[in-house]
Amino acid sequence: MTAVRAHVFISGYVQGVNFRFYTRQQARLLGLWGWVRNMPDGRVEAVFEGEEAAVNKIVNWCRSGPPSAQVGDVAASWEEPEGLRSFEVRI
């Protein structure tokens, strides 16, 4: 398996709606590694590493997010994987 890495910024009404919790849950279900955090400007930032189809699936999931989120935009860029082996919520 060749791992890929997506660096994602999600904007809209995405803080205070458990976005990080649901993102971690989805990432673990898909067998992905990386992290997610709230940013001071109101966006959520996340990094996903793993199998390409699974990374694409979670990037697409970020376009809607959890039920109470209102996603305005998702900007994803592709980077070289670092070999992460866990998924965490960063503060």
Protein backbone atom coordinates (compact mmCIF):
# COMPACT_ATOMS: atom_id res chain seq x y z
CA MET A 1 0.00 0.00 0.00
CA THR A 2 1.26 3.45 -0.88
CA ALA A 3 0.23 6.02 1.68
CA VAL A 4 -0.90 9.51 0.75
CA ARG A 5 -1.33 12.63 2.88
CA ALA A 6 -3.96 15.35 2.70
CA HIS A 7 -3.66 18.64 4.62
CA VAL A 8 -7.16 20.06 4.97
CA PHE A 9 -8.63 23.36 6.14
CA ILE A 10 -12.39 23.42 6.80
CA SER A 11 -14.23 26.72 7.17
CA GLY A 12 -17.78 27.64 8.09
CA TYR A 13 -19.63 26.88 11.32
CA VAL A 14 -17.21 24.12 12.31
CA GLN A 15 -16.16 24.89 15.89
CA GLY A 16 -18.32 24.09 18.90
CA VAL A 17 -20.13 21.34 16.95
CA ASN A 18 -17.90 18.35 17.86
CA PHE A 19 -16.19 18.49 14.47
CA ARG A 20 -12.88 17.27 15.90
CA PHE A 21 -14.50 14.36 17.77
CA TYR A 22 -16.43 13.19 14.70
CA THR A 23 -13.36 13.64 12.48
CA ARG A 24 -11.27 11.44 14.78
CA GLN A 25 -14.07 8.85 14.81
CA GLN A 26 -14.31 8.81 11.00
CA ALA A 27 -10.53 8.66 10.59
CA ARG A 28 -10.25 5.69 12.93
CA LEU A 29 -13.10 3.88 11.15
CA LEU A 30 -11.24 4.35 7.86
CA GLY A 31 -7.89 3.26 9.32
CA LEU A 32 -6.28 6.67 8.86
CA TRP A 33 -3.57 8.44 10.84
CA GLY A 34 -3.03 12.12 11.49
CA TRP A 35 -4.53 14.85 13.60
CA VAL A 36 -7.25 17.52 13.79
CA ARG A 37 -7.38 20.84 15.62
CA ASN A 38 -9.34 24.08 15.94
CA MET A 39 -7.62 27.18 14.61
CA PRO A 40 -7.82 30.66 16.18
CA ASP A 41 -9.52 32.03 13.04
CA GLY A 42 -12.52 29.68 13.40
CA ARG A 43 -11.42 27.04 10.90
CA VAL A 44 -10.59 23.40 11.58
CA GLU A 45 -7.26 22.05 10.32
CA ALA A 46 -6.62 18.35 9.78
CA VAL A 47 -4.00 16.02 8.36
CA PHE A 48 -4.93 12.57 7.09
CA GLU A 49 -2.49 9.84 6.10
CA GLY A 50 -3.28 6.40 4.78
CA GLU A 51 -4.63 4.52 1.78
CA GLU A 52 -5.62 6.89 -1.03
CA ALA A 53 -9.27 5.80 -1.28
CA ALA A 54 -9.75 6.23 2.48
CA VAL A 55 -8.10 9.66 2.48
CA ASN A 56 -10.33 10.76 -0.41
CA LYS A 57 -13.35 9.45 1.48
CA ILE A 58 -12.61 11.48 4.62
CA VAL A 59 -11.82 14.63 2.62
CA ASN A 60 -15.25 14.26 1.01
CA TRP A 61 -16.80 13.63 4.45
CA CYS A 62 -15.28 16.93 5.63
CA ARG A 63 -17.45 18.73 3.03
CA SER A 64 -20.50 18.02 5.21
CA GLY A 65 -18.96 17.09 8.59
CA PRO A 66 -21.04 16.20 11.64
CA PRO A 67 -24.80 16.85 11.73
CA SER A 68 -24.62 20.25 13.48
CA ALA A 69 -21.79 21.68 11.35
CA GLN A 70 -22.32 24.04 8.44
CA VAL A 71 -19.27 23.66 6.22
CA GLY A 72 -18.56 26.60 3.94
CA ASP A 73 -15.37 25.45 2.24
CA VAL A 74 -12.82 22.64 2.29
CA ALA A 75 -9.32 23.34 0.96
CA ALA A 76 -7.12 20.26 0.63
CA SER A 77 -3.51 20.02 -0.49
CA TRP A 78 -1.47 16.89 -1.03
CA GLU A 79 1.84 16.43 0.76
CA GLU A 80 4.43 13.72 1.34
CA PRO A 81 3.32 11.35 4.14
CA GLU A 82 5.33 11.54 7.36
CA GLY A 83 4.52 7.98 8.47
CA LEU A 84 2.14 8.89 11.28
CA ARG A 85 0.71 5.90 13.17
CA SER A 86 -2.09 7.34 15.30
CA PHE A 87 -4.90 9.87 15.03
CA GLU A 88 -5.22 12.56 17.65
CA VAL A 89 -7.17 15.68 18.49
CA ARG A 90 -4.72 18.52 19.02
CA ILE A 91 -5.41 21.51 21.20
